[in-house]
């Protein structure tokens, strides 16, 4: 079966035999969106219908027919909504557009080596933020609900930040906000929690 990411529309060919009956959540490799996949329901067999002879018609002239309509179309169940509230979605888009504008303006003046480092810094920041959500899912949900996200994930965020600073040159760390922007986009679900 084919599963499609609702955000970036990337399609994946999935062996439906490997999908559990209750369905499964998977993360899109391209954009990181969570996709909910359910096994398609089995097709019911098409029953044979037999024509009943009308009055005055002999059974010999009655023909057995098979329904030509075919099986009914499969019922496609819509997965639970994974969309953010409108305000949070608008904030997330504004952050992403702001980042793209800054990156576009600044990268026109960069050397090829620095461009590679900027791209690596963005990828690493996104991966670290995604890992924070992946390994601390219940705390992220609780923190978003209670408004205590920064306190609940403080030590993990500090470790991720230290690792980021070790891997990326200091002048890029000091001149960009990639790490903070990915925390707000991925961990904060588009809200400006980390300033």
C-alpha atoms as a PDB file:
ATOM      1  CA  UNK A   1       0.000   0.000   0.000  1.00  0.00           C
ATOM      2  CA  UNK A   2       1.048   3.619  -0.511  1.00  0.00           C
ATOM      3  CA  UNK A   3       1.247   6.006   2.465  1.00  0.00           C
ATOM      4  CA  UNK A   4       1.621   9.724   1.892  1.00  0.00           C
ATOM      5  CA  UNK A   5       2.981  12.395   4.248  1.00  0.00           C
ATOM      6  CA  UNK A   6       0.317  15.057   4.777  1.00  0.00           C
ATOM      7  CA  UNK A   7       2.934  17.810   5.085  1.00  0.00           C
ATOM      8  CA  UNK A   8       5.467  17.290   2.267  1.00  0.00           C
ATOM      9  CA  UNK A   9       3.436  14.731   0.240  1.00  0.00           C
ATOM     10  CA  UNK A  10       6.309  12.248   0.078  1.00  0.00           C
ATOM     11  CA  UNK A  11       4.959   8.782  -0.761  1.00  0.00           C
ATOM     12  CA  UNK A  12       6.118   5.541   0.833  1.00  0.00           C
ATOM     13  CA  UNK A  13       5.439   1.985  -0.343  1.00  0.00           C
ATOM     14  CA  UNK A  14       4.521  -0.004   2.792  1.00  0.00           C
ATOM     15  CA  UNK A  15       4.027  -3.764   3.142  1.00  0.00           C
ATOM     16  CA  UNK A  16       0.551  -3.833   4.715  1.00  0.00           C
ATOM     17  CA  UNK A  17       1.258  -7.226   6.320  1.00  0.00           C
ATOM     18  CA  UNK A  18       3.725  -5.478   8.649  1.00  0.00           C
ATOM     19  CA  UNK A  19       1.159  -2.946   9.896  1.00  0.00           C
ATOM     20  CA  UNK A  20      -0.356  -3.984  13.256  1.00  0.00           C
ATOM     21  CA  UNK A  21      -4.188  -4.167  13.470  1.00  0.00           C
ATOM     22  CA  UNK A  22      -4.337  -1.015  15.601  1.00  0.00           C
ATOM     23  CA  UNK A  23      -2.234   0.943  13.088  1.00  0.00           C
ATOM     24  CA  UNK A  24       1.179   2.546  13.511  1.00  0.00           C
ATOM     25  CA  UNK A  25       2.726   5.998  13.701  1.00  0.00           C
ATOM     26  CA  UNK A  26       5.841   6.617  11.597  1.00  0.00           C
ATOM     27  CA  UNK A  27       7.997   9.677  11.077  1.00  0.00           C
ATOM     28  CA  UNK A  28       8.478  11.056   7.543  1.00  0.00           C
ATOM     29  CA  UNK A  29      12.159  10.792   6.576  1.00  0.00           C
ATOM     30  CA  UNK A  30      11.972  13.998   4.553  1.00  0.00           C
ATOM     31  CA  UNK A  31      10.204  16.491   6.840  1.00  0.00           C
ATOM     32  CA  UNK A  32       9.876  14.715  10.220  1.00  0.00           C
ATOM     33  CA  UNK A  33       6.049  14.829  10.250  1.00  0.00           C
ATOM     34  CA  UNK A  34       4.306  11.967  12.069  1.00  0.00           C
ATOM     35  CA  UNK A  35       2.125   9.841   9.756  1.00  0.00           C
ATOM     36  CA  UNK A  36      -0.614   7.572  11.137  1.00  0.00           C
ATOM     37  CA  UNK A  37      -1.027   4.421   9.019  1.00  0.00           C
ATOM     38  CA  UNK A  38      -3.823   1.855   9.361  1.00  0.00           C
ATOM     39  CA  UNK A  39      -4.136  -1.483   7.630  1.00  0.00           C
ATOM     40  CA  UNK A  40      -6.820  -1.369   4.915  1.00  0.00           C
ATOM     41  CA  UNK A  41      -9.987  -3.279   5.788  1.00  0.00           C
ATOM     42  CA  UNK A  42     -10.434  -6.605   3.939  1.00  0.00           C
ATOM     43  CA  UNK A  43     -12.698  -6.586   0.894  1.00  0.00           C
ATOM     44  CA  UNK A  44     -16.020  -8.447   1.369  1.00  0.00           C
ATOM     45  CA  UNK A  45     -16.736 -11.237  -1.101  1.00  0.00           C
ATOM     46  CA  UNK A  46     -19.232 -10.403  -3.845  1.00  0.00           C
ATOM     47  CA  UNK A  47     -22.289 -12.616  -3.353  1.00  0.00           C
ATOM     48  CA  UNK A  48     -23.827 -14.420  -6.285  1.00  0.00           C
ATOM     49  CA  UNK A  49     -27.399 -13.395  -6.957  1.00  0.00           C
ATOM     50  CA  UNK A  50     -30.002 -15.557  -8.555  1.00  0.00           C
ATOM     51  CA  UNK A  51     -32.961 -14.301 -10.494  1.00  0.00           C
ATOM     52  CA  UNK A  52     -36.306 -15.562  -9.199  1.00  0.00           C
ATOM     53  CA  UNK A  53     -38.631 -16.667 -11.998  1.00  0.00           C
ATOM     54  CA  UNK A  54     -41.635 -14.436 -12.413  1.00  0.00           C
ATOM     55  CA  UNK A  55     -45.142 -15.814 -12.826  1.00  0.00           C
ATOM     56  CA  UNK A  56     -45.539 -17.759 -16.006  1.00  0.00           C
ATOM     57  CA  UNK A  57     -41.769 -18.086 -16.537  1.00  0.00           C
ATOM     58  CA  UNK A  58     -40.282 -21.527 -16.294  1.00  0.00           C
ATOM     59  CA  UNK A  59     -37.177 -22.163 -14.160  1.00  0.00           C
ATOM     60  CA  UNK A  60     -35.379 -23.367 -17.277  1.00  0.00           C
ATOM     61  CA  UNK A  61     -35.435 -19.862 -18.753  1.00  0.00           C
ATOM     62  CA  UNK A  62     -34.179 -18.272 -15.530  1.00  0.00           C
ATOM     63  CA  UNK A  63     -30.494 -17.344 -15.630  1.00  0.00           C
ATOM     64  CA  UNK A  64     -28.046 -17.216 -12.740  1.00  0.00           C
ATOM     65  CA  UNK A  65     -26.270 -13.875 -12.724  1.00  0.00           C
ATOM     66  CA  UNK A  66     -23.286 -12.444 -10.905  1.00  0.00           C
ATOM     67  CA  UNK A  67     -23.377  -8.875  -9.727  1.00  0.00           C
ATOM     68  CA  UNK A  68     -21.408  -6.765 -12.213  1.00  0.00           C
ATOM     69  CA  UNK A  69     -20.849  -3.892  -9.845  1.00  0.00           C
ATOM     70  CA  UNK A  70     -17.727  -5.458  -8.335  1.00  0.00           C
ATOM     71  CA  UNK A  71     -16.549  -5.013  -4.786  1.00  0.00           C
ATOM     72  CA  UNK A  72     -17.406  -1.764  -3.050  1.00  0.00           C
ATOM     73  CA  UNK A  73     -14.626   0.809  -2.921  1.00  0.00           C
ATOM     74  CA  UNK A  74     -12.393   0.512   0.146  1.00  0.00           C
ATOM     75  CA  UNK A  75     -13.312   2.687   3.082  1.00  0.00           C
ATOM     76  CA  UNK A  76     -10.517   5.162   3.639  1.00  0.00           C
ATOM     77  CA  UNK A  77     -10.412   6.250   7.220  1.00  0.00           C
ATOM     78  CA  UNK A  78      -8.880   9.627   7.851  1.00  0.00           C
ATOM     79  CA  UNK A  79      -6.081   9.408  10.419  1.00  0.00           C
ATOM     80  CA  UNK A  80      -6.399  11.490  13.542  1.00  0.00           C
ATOM     81  CA  UNK A  81      -5.522  15.099  12.939  1.00  0.00           C
ATOM     82  CA  UNK A  82      -1.889  15.923  13.616  1.00  0.00           C
ATOM     83  CA  UNK A  83      -2.260  19.579  12.715  1.00  0.00           C
ATOM     84  CA  UNK A  84      -1.236  22.264  15.123  1.00  0.00           C
ATOM     85  CA  UNK A  85      -3.710  24.841  16.385  1.00  0.00           C
ATOM     86  CA  UNK A  86      -4.032  27.712  13.875  1.00  0.00           C
ATOM     87  CA  UNK A  87      -2.127  30.203  16.048  1.00  0.00           C
ATOM     88  CA  UNK A  88       0.773  27.804  16.639  1.00  0.00           C
ATOM     89  CA  UNK A  89       0.846  26.855  12.948  1.00  0.00           C
ATOM     90  CA  UNK A  90       0.987  30.536  11.953  1.00  0.00           C
ATOM     91  CA  UNK A  91       3.823  31.161  14.423  1.00  0.00           C
ATOM     92  CA  UNK A  92       5.725  28.125  13.111  1.00  0.00           C
ATOM     93  CA  UNK A  93       5.403  29.343   9.507  1.00  0.00           C
ATOM     94  CA  UNK A  94       6.516  32.846  10.496  1.00  0.00           C
ATOM     95  CA  UNK A  95       9.613  31.409  12.218  1.00  0.00           C
ATOM     96  CA  UNK A  96      10.466  29.269   9.189  1.00  0.00           C
ATOM     97  CA  UNK A  97      10.025  32.178   6.752  1.00  0.00           C
ATOM     98  CA  UNK A  98      12.148  34.416   8.954  1.00  0.00           C
ATOM     99  CA  UNK A  99      14.887  31.787   9.067  1.00  0.00           C
ATOM    100  CA  UNK A 100      14.785  31.323   5.281  1.00  0.00           C
ATOM    101  CA  UNK A 101      15.077  35.084   4.679  1.00  0.00           C
ATOM    102  CA  UNK A 102      18.021  35.427   7.076  1.00  0.00           C
ATOM    103  CA  UNK A 103      19.782  32.400   5.627  1.00  0.00           C
ATOM    104  CA  UNK A 104      19.246  33.534   2.035  1.00  0.00           C
ATOM    105  CA  UNK A 105      20.575  37.038   2.694  1.00  0.00           C
ATOM    106  CA  UNK A 106      23.574  35.930   4.723  1.00  0.00           C
ATOM    107  CA  UNK A 107      24.567  32.926   2.598  1.00  0.00           C
ATOM    108  CA  UNK A 108      25.086  35.062  -0.500  1.00  0.00           C
ATOM    109  CA  UNK A 109      28.181  36.515   1.209  1.00  0.00           C
ATOM    110  CA  UNK A 110      29.587  33.217   2.563  1.00  0.00           C
ATOM    111  CA  UNK A 111      32.461  31.101   1.365  1.00  0.00           C
ATOM    112  CA  UNK A 112      31.728  27.584   0.119  1.00  0.00           C
ATOM    113  CA  UNK A 113      33.204  26.145   3.323  1.00  0.00           C
ATOM    114  CA  UNK A 114      30.969  28.309   5.518  1.00  0.00           C
ATOM    115  CA  UNK A 115      27.912  27.405   3.439  1.00  0.00           C
ATOM    116  CA  UNK A 116      28.636  23.729   4.159  1.00  0.00           C
ATOM    117  CA  UNK A 117      28.965  24.467   7.882  1.00  0.00           C
ATOM    118  CA  UNK A 118      25.681  26.408   7.908  1.00  0.00           C
ATOM    119  CA  UNK A 119      23.894  23.521   6.205  1.00  0.00           C
ATOM    120  CA  UNK A 120      25.432  21.075   8.687  1.00  0.00           C
ATOM    121  CA  UNK A 121      24.444  23.304  11.622  1.00  0.00           C
ATOM    122  CA  UNK A 122      20.811  23.420  10.441  1.00  0.00           C
ATOM    123  CA  UNK A 123      20.706  19.628   9.983  1.00  0.00           C
ATOM    124  CA  UNK A 124      22.284  18.977  13.380  1.00  0.00           C
ATOM    125  CA  UNK A 125      19.951  21.425  15.158  1.00  0.00           C
ATOM    126  CA  UNK A 126      16.934  19.742  13.572  1.00  0.00           C
ATOM    127  CA  UNK A 127      18.194  16.253  14.470  1.00  0.00           C
ATOM    128  CA  UNK A 128      18.901  17.211  18.087  1.00  0.00           C
ATOM    129  CA  UNK A 129      15.465  18.819  18.502  1.00  0.00           C
ATOM    130  CA  UNK A 130      13.801  15.757  16.938  1.00  0.00           C
ATOM    131  CA  UNK A 131      15.706  13.467  19.310  1.00  0.00           C
ATOM    132  CA  UNK A 132      14.558  15.524  22.301  1.00  0.00           C
ATOM    133  CA  UNK A 133      10.935  14.901  21.276  1.00  0.00           C
ATOM    134  CA  UNK A 134      11.532  11.257  20.395  1.00  0.00           C
ATOM    135  CA  UNK A 135      13.163  10.310  23.707  1.00  0.00           C
ATOM    136  CA  UNK A 136      11.083  12.570  25.977  1.00  0.00           C
ATOM    137  CA  UNK A 137       7.628  12.345  24.422  1.00  0.00           C
ATOM    138  CA  UNK A 138       5.588  12.242  27.648  1.00  0.00           C
ATOM    139  CA  UNK A 139       7.549  15.102  29.216  1.00  0.00           C
ATOM    140  CA  UNK A 140       7.214  17.205  26.044  1.00  0.00           C
ATOM    141  CA  UNK A 141       3.442  16.673  26.010  1.00  0.00           C
ATOM    142  CA  UNK A 142       3.164  17.470  29.726  1.00  0.00           C
ATOM    143  CA  UNK A 143       5.408  20.531  29.384  1.00  0.00           C
ATOM    144  CA  UNK A 144       3.426  21.886  26.446  1.00  0.00           C
ATOM    145  CA  UNK A 145       0.178  21.354  28.324  1.00  0.00           C
ATOM    146  CA  UNK A 146       1.401  22.857  31.620  1.00  0.00           C
ATOM    147  CA  UNK A 147       3.713  25.528  30.178  1.00  0.00           C
ATOM    148  CA  UNK A 148       6.729  23.971  31.926  1.00  0.00           C
ATOM    149  CA  UNK A 149       8.551  22.619  28.871  1.00  0.00           C
ATOM    150  CA  UNK A 150      11.821  24.511  29.449  1.00  0.00           C
ATOM    151  CA  UNK A 151      12.005  23.336  33.082  1.00  0.00           C
ATOM    152  CA  UNK A 152      11.146  19.706  32.332  1.00  0.00           C
ATOM    153  CA  UNK A 153      13.684  19.361  29.512  1.00  0.00           C
ATOM    154  CA  UNK A 154      16.337  21.730  30.899  1.00  0.00           C
ATOM    155  CA  UNK A 155      19.156  19.170  31.438  1.00  0.00           C
ATOM    156  CA  UNK A 156      18.514  17.404  28.099  1.00  0.00           C
ATOM    157  CA  UNK A 157      18.441  20.711  26.216  1.00  0.00           C
ATOM    158  CA  UNK A 158      21.713  21.745  27.889  1.00  0.00           C
ATOM    159  CA  UNK A 159      23.390  18.464  26.821  1.00  0.00           C
ATOM    160  CA  UNK A 160      22.120  18.880  23.258  1.00  0.00           C
ATOM    161  CA  UNK A 161      23.334  22.496  23.186  1.00  0.00           C
ATOM    162  CA  UNK A 162      26.784  21.485  24.450  1.00  0.00           C
ATOM    163  CA  UNK A 163      27.032  18.811  21.762  1.00  0.00           C
ATOM    164  CA  UNK A 164      25.894  21.301  19.110  1.00  0.00           C
ATOM    165  CA  UNK A 165      28.582  23.787  20.229  1.00  0.00           C
ATOM    166  CA  UNK A 166      31.266  21.059  20.057  1.00  0.00           C
ATOM    167  CA  UNK A 167      30.320  20.083  16.501  1.00  0.00           C
ATOM    168  CA  UNK A 168      29.755  23.521  14.914  1.00  0.00           C
ATOM    169  CA  UNK A 169      32.362  26.327  14.605  1.00  0.00           C
ATOM    170  CA  UNK A 170      31.985  29.070  17.199  1.00  0.00           C
ATOM    171  CA  UNK A 171      31.456  31.908  14.685  1.00  0.00           C
ATOM    172  CA  UNK A 172      28.424  30.049  13.247  1.00  0.00           C
ATOM    173  CA  UNK A 173      27.045  29.220  16.703  1.00  0.00           C
ATOM    174  CA  UNK A 174      27.388  32.875  17.730  1.00  0.00           C
ATOM    175  CA  UNK A 175      25.925  34.360  14.542  1.00  0.00           C
ATOM    176  CA  UNK A 176      22.892  32.086  14.067  1.00  0.00           C
ATOM    177  CA  UNK A 177      19.868  30.836  16.000  1.00  0.00           C
ATOM    178  CA  UNK A 178      19.467  27.458  14.292  1.00  0.00           C
ATOM    179  CA  UNK A 179      19.367  25.504  17.556  1.00  0.00           C
ATOM    180  CA  UNK A 180      16.805  27.776  19.248  1.00  0.00           C
ATOM    181  CA  UNK A 181      14.648  27.964  16.109  1.00  0.00           C
ATOM    182  CA  UNK A 182      14.484  24.177  15.826  1.00  0.00           C
ATOM    183  CA  UNK A 183      13.628  23.893  19.536  1.00  0.00           C
ATOM    184  CA  UNK A 184      10.683  26.252  18.983  1.00  0.00           C
ATOM    185  CA  UNK A 185       9.612  24.603  15.721  1.00  0.00           C
ATOM    186  CA  UNK A 186       9.947  20.926  16.677  1.00  0.00           C
ATOM    187  CA  UNK A 187       9.899  20.719  20.486  1.00  0.00           C
ATOM    188  CA  UNK A 188       7.649  23.756  21.049  1.00  0.00           C
ATOM    189  CA  UNK A 189       5.333  22.801  18.141  1.00  0.00           C
ATOM    190  CA  UNK A 190       5.843  26.214  16.505  1.00  0.00           C
ATOM    191  CA  UNK A 191       5.414  28.316  19.643  1.00  0.00           C
ATOM    192  CA  UNK A 192       8.148  30.736  20.727  1.00  0.00           C
ATOM    193  CA  UNK A 193       8.911  29.065  24.044  1.00  0.00           C
ATOM    194  CA  UNK A 194      12.698  29.261  23.886  1.00  0.00           C
ATOM    195  CA  UNK A 195      13.953  32.840  23.547  1.00  0.00           C
END
